[in-house]
Amino acid sequence: MLKHPTLELLGQLGLAGMAHAFIELESNSDADNLSHAEWLALLLDHEARQNTRNRATRLPFPSATRWDPRT
């Protein structure tokens, strides 16, 4: 598998969580036993968790929510 172009593309697409998980999985010999679906699921899970963490750090305080005055 082409590692560097894949990592480069993930970075360009703004998928830093998936890129980080990709590096971790490539260096883990246990990942060789995973199916393609399991591998993809781990990448997606890592990206989703990263997005949740990023969203939480952008909030001014933990219980902050978006408020729409029109509702």
N, C-alpha and C. Protein backbone atom coordinates (compact mmCIF):
# COMPACT_ATOMS: atom_id res chain seq x y z
N MET A 1 0.85 -1.18 0.00
CA MET A 1 0.00 0.00 0.00
C MET A 1 0.89 1.24 0.00
N LEU A 2 0.49 2.25 -0.71
CA LEU A 2 1.24 3.49 -0.77
C LEU A 2 0.96 4.31 0.49
N LYS A 3 1.93 4.34 1.37
CA LYS A 3 1.72 5.00 2.65
C LYS A 3 1.74 6.52 2.53
N HIS A 4 2.79 7.05 1.95
CA HIS A 4 2.94 8.49 1.94
C HIS A 4 1.87 9.21 1.14
N PRO A 5 1.53 8.76 -0.06
CA PRO A 5 0.43 9.43 -0.78
C PRO A 5 -0.90 9.33 -0.04
N THR A 6 -1.13 8.22 0.63
CA THR A 6 -2.37 8.05 1.38
C THR A 6 -2.42 9.02 2.55
N LEU A 7 -1.33 9.11 3.29
CA LEU A 7 -1.28 10.04 4.42
C LEU A 7 -1.39 11.48 3.93
N GLU A 8 -0.74 11.77 2.83
CA GLU A 8 -0.81 13.12 2.25
C GLU A 8 -2.24 13.47 1.87
N LEU A 9 -2.93 12.54 1.24
CA LEU A 9 -4.31 12.77 0.82
C LEU A 9 -5.24 12.93 2.03
N LEU A 10 -5.04 12.11 3.05
CA LEU A 10 -5.85 12.24 4.26
C LEU A 10 -5.66 13.63 4.88
N GLY A 11 -4.43 14.10 4.88
CA GLY A 11 -4.15 15.44 5.40
C GLY A 11 -4.82 16.52 4.58
N GLN A 12 -4.76 16.39 3.26
CA GLN A 12 -5.38 17.38 2.38
C GLN A 12 -6.89 17.41 2.56
N LEU A 13 -7.48 16.27 2.85
CA LEU A 13 -8.92 16.18 3.04
C LEU A 13 -9.36 16.60 4.45
N GLY A 14 -8.39 16.91 5.31
CA GLY A 14 -8.72 17.33 6.67
C GLY A 14 -9.09 16.17 7.57
N LEU A 15 -8.57 14.99 7.27
CA LEU A 15 -8.88 13.79 8.05
C LEU A 15 -7.68 13.39 8.90
N ALA A 16 -7.28 14.30 9.77
CA ALA A 16 -6.10 14.06 10.60
C ALA A 16 -6.27 12.87 11.52
N GLY A 17 -7.47 12.66 12.03
CA GLY A 17 -7.73 11.52 12.90
C GLY A 17 -7.52 10.21 12.17
N MET A 18 -7.98 10.14 10.93
CA MET A 18 -7.79 8.92 10.14
C MET A 18 -6.32 8.72 9.82
N ALA A 19 -5.61 9.81 9.53
CA ALA A 19 -4.18 9.71 9.22
C ALA A 19 -3.42 9.17 10.43
N HIS A 20 -3.75 9.67 11.61
CA HIS A 20 -3.09 9.21 12.84
C HIS A 20 -3.39 7.72 13.07
N ALA A 21 -4.65 7.33 12.89
CA ALA A 21 -5.03 5.93 13.07
C ALA A 21 -4.34 5.05 12.04
N PHE A 22 -4.21 5.55 10.82
CA PHE A 22 -3.54 4.81 9.75
C PHE A 22 -2.10 4.49 10.15
N ILE A 23 -1.40 5.49 10.68
CA ILE A 23 -0.01 5.29 11.11
C ILE A 23 0.04 4.26 12.23
N GLU A 24 -0.87 4.37 13.20
CA GLU A 24 -0.90 3.42 14.31
C GLU A 24 -1.16 1.99 13.83
N LEU A 25 -2.13 1.84 12.93
CA LEU A 25 -2.46 0.50 12.43
C LEU A 25 -1.33 -0.10 11.61
N GLU A 26 -0.67 0.72 10.81
CA GLU A 26 0.44 0.23 10.00
C GLU A 26 1.60 -0.27 10.86
N SER A 27 1.78 0.33 12.03
CA SER A 27 2.89 -0.07 12.89
C SER A 27 2.52 -1.20 13.84
N ASN A 28 1.25 -1.61 13.85
CA ASN A 28 0.77 -2.65 14.75
C ASN A 28 0.64 -3.97 13.99
N SER A 29 1.42 -4.97 14.38
CA SER A 29 1.39 -6.26 13.67
C SER A 29 0.05 -6.98 13.84
N ASP A 30 -0.68 -6.70 14.91
CA ASP A 30 -2.00 -7.32 15.11
C ASP A 30 -3.01 -6.85 14.06
N ALA A 31 -2.77 -5.69 13.48
CA ALA A 31 -3.69 -5.14 12.48
C ALA A 31 -3.67 -5.96 11.19
N ASP A 32 -2.64 -6.77 11.00
CA ASP A 32 -2.56 -7.61 9.80
C ASP A 32 -3.70 -8.63 9.74
N ASN A 33 -4.25 -8.97 10.89
CA ASN A 33 -5.33 -9.96 10.95
C ASN A 33 -6.72 -9.35 10.77
N LEU A 34 -6.79 -8.04 10.62
CA LEU A 34 -8.09 -7.38 10.47
C LEU A 34 -8.57 -7.44 9.03
N SER A 35 -9.88 -7.53 8.87
CA SER A 35 -10.45 -7.48 7.53
C SER A 35 -10.45 -6.02 7.07
N HIS A 36 -10.73 -5.81 5.79
CA HIS A 36 -10.79 -4.44 5.27
C HIS A 36 -11.87 -3.64 5.99
N ALA A 37 -13.00 -4.27 6.24
CA ALA A 37 -14.11 -3.58 6.92
C ALA A 37 -13.72 -3.19 8.34
N GLU A 38 -13.01 -4.08 9.04
CA GLU A 38 -12.58 -3.77 10.41
C GLU A 38 -11.55 -2.64 10.41
N TRP A 39 -10.65 -2.68 9.45
CA TRP A 39 -9.62 -1.64 9.31
C TRP A 39 -10.27 -0.30 9.08
N LEU A 40 -11.22 -0.27 8.15
CA LEU A 40 -11.93 0.97 7.83
C LEU A 40 -12.73 1.46 9.04
N ALA A 41 -13.37 0.53 9.74
CA ALA A 41 -14.15 0.90 10.93
C ALA A 41 -13.27 1.55 11.98
N LEU A 42 -12.06 1.04 12.17
CA LEU A 42 -11.14 1.64 13.14
C LEU A 42 -10.72 3.04 12.71
N LEU A 43 -10.45 3.22 11.42
CA LEU A 43 -10.08 4.54 10.91
C LEU A 43 -11.22 5.53 11.12
N LEU A 44 -12.43 5.11 10.77
CA LEU A 44 -13.59 6.00 10.90
C LEU A 44 -13.89 6.32 12.36
N ASP A 45 -13.76 5.33 13.23
CA ASP A 45 -13.99 5.55 14.66
C ASP A 45 -12.99 6.57 15.21
N HIS A 46 -11.75 6.43 14.82
CA HIS A 46 -10.71 7.35 15.29
C HIS A 46 -11.01 8.77 14.81
N GLU A 47 -11.42 8.91 13.56
CA GLU A 47 -11.75 10.23 13.01
C GLU A 47 -12.94 10.83 13.74
N ALA A 48 -13.96 10.03 14.00
CA ALA A 48 -15.15 10.52 14.70
C ALA A 48 -14.81 10.99 16.11
N ARG A 49 -13.99 10.22 16.81
CA ARG A 49 -13.59 10.61 18.16
C ARG A 49 -12.76 11.90 18.14
N GLN A 50 -11.88 12.02 17.14
CA GLN A 50 -11.06 13.23 16.99
C GLN A 50 -11.95 14.45 16.74
N ASN A 51 -12.95 14.29 15.89
CA ASN A 51 -13.88 15.39 15.60
C ASN A 51 -14.65 15.80 16.84
N THR A 52 -15.07 14.82 17.64
CA THR A 52 -15.80 15.12 18.88
C THR A 52 -14.91 15.89 19.84
N ARG A 53 -13.66 15.45 19.98
CA ARG A 53 -12.72 16.16 20.87
C ARG A 53 -12.49 17.58 20.37
N ASN A 54 -12.30 17.74 19.07
CA ASN A 54 -12.06 19.07 18.51
C ASN A 54 -13.26 19.98 18.73
N ARG A 55 -14.45 19.45 18.54
CA ARG A 55 -15.66 20.23 18.72
C ARG A 55 -15.79 20.68 20.18
N ALA A 56 -15.47 19.78 21.10
CA ALA A 56 -15.57 20.10 22.53
C ALA A 56 -14.57 21.19 22.92
N THR A 57 -13.40 21.18 22.33
CA THR A 57 -12.39 22.19 22.69
C THR A 57 -12.74 23.56 22.11
N ARG A 58 -13.58 23.60 21.08
CA ARG A 58 -13.98 24.89 20.51
C ARG A 58 -15.10 25.56 21.30
N LEU A 59 -15.78 24.80 22.15
CA LEU A 59 -16.87 25.37 22.95
C LEU A 59 -16.29 26.25 24.06
N PRO A 60 -16.93 27.38 24.38
CA PRO A 60 -16.39 28.26 25.41
C PRO A 60 -16.40 27.63 26.80
N PHE A 61 -17.31 26.71 27.05
CA PHE A 61 -17.34 25.96 28.30
C PHE A 61 -18.07 24.65 28.02
N PRO A 62 -17.84 23.61 28.82
CA PRO A 62 -18.33 22.26 28.50
C PRO A 62 -19.82 22.14 28.20
N SER A 63 -20.64 22.92 28.86
CA SER A 63 -22.08 22.76 28.65
C SER A 63 -22.62 23.70 27.57
N ALA A 64 -21.73 24.37 26.86
CA ALA A 64 -22.16 25.31 25.82
C ALA A 64 -22.82 24.56 24.66
N THR A 65 -23.87 25.14 24.16
CA THR A 65 -24.55 24.60 23.00
C THR A 65 -24.84 25.74 22.04
N ARG A 66 -25.14 25.39 20.83
CA ARG A 66 -25.50 26.43 19.87
C ARG A 66 -26.96 26.81 20.11
N TRP A 67 -27.22 28.09 20.12
CA TRP A 67 -28.57 28.58 20.38
C TRP A 67 -29.04 29.35 19.16
N ASP A 68 -30.22 29.01 18.71
CA ASP A 68 -30.81 29.69 17.56
C ASP A 68 -31.94 30.57 18.07
N PRO A 69 -31.79 31.90 18.00
CA PRO A 69 -32.81 32.79 18.55
C PRO A 69 -34.14 32.72 17.80
N ARG A 70 -34.14 32.13 16.62
CA ARG A 70 -35.37 32.02 15.83
C ARG A 70 -36.29 30.92 16.34
N THR A 71 -35.81 30.06 17.22
CA THR A 71 -36.65 28.95 17.70
C THR A 71 -37.32 29.29 19.00
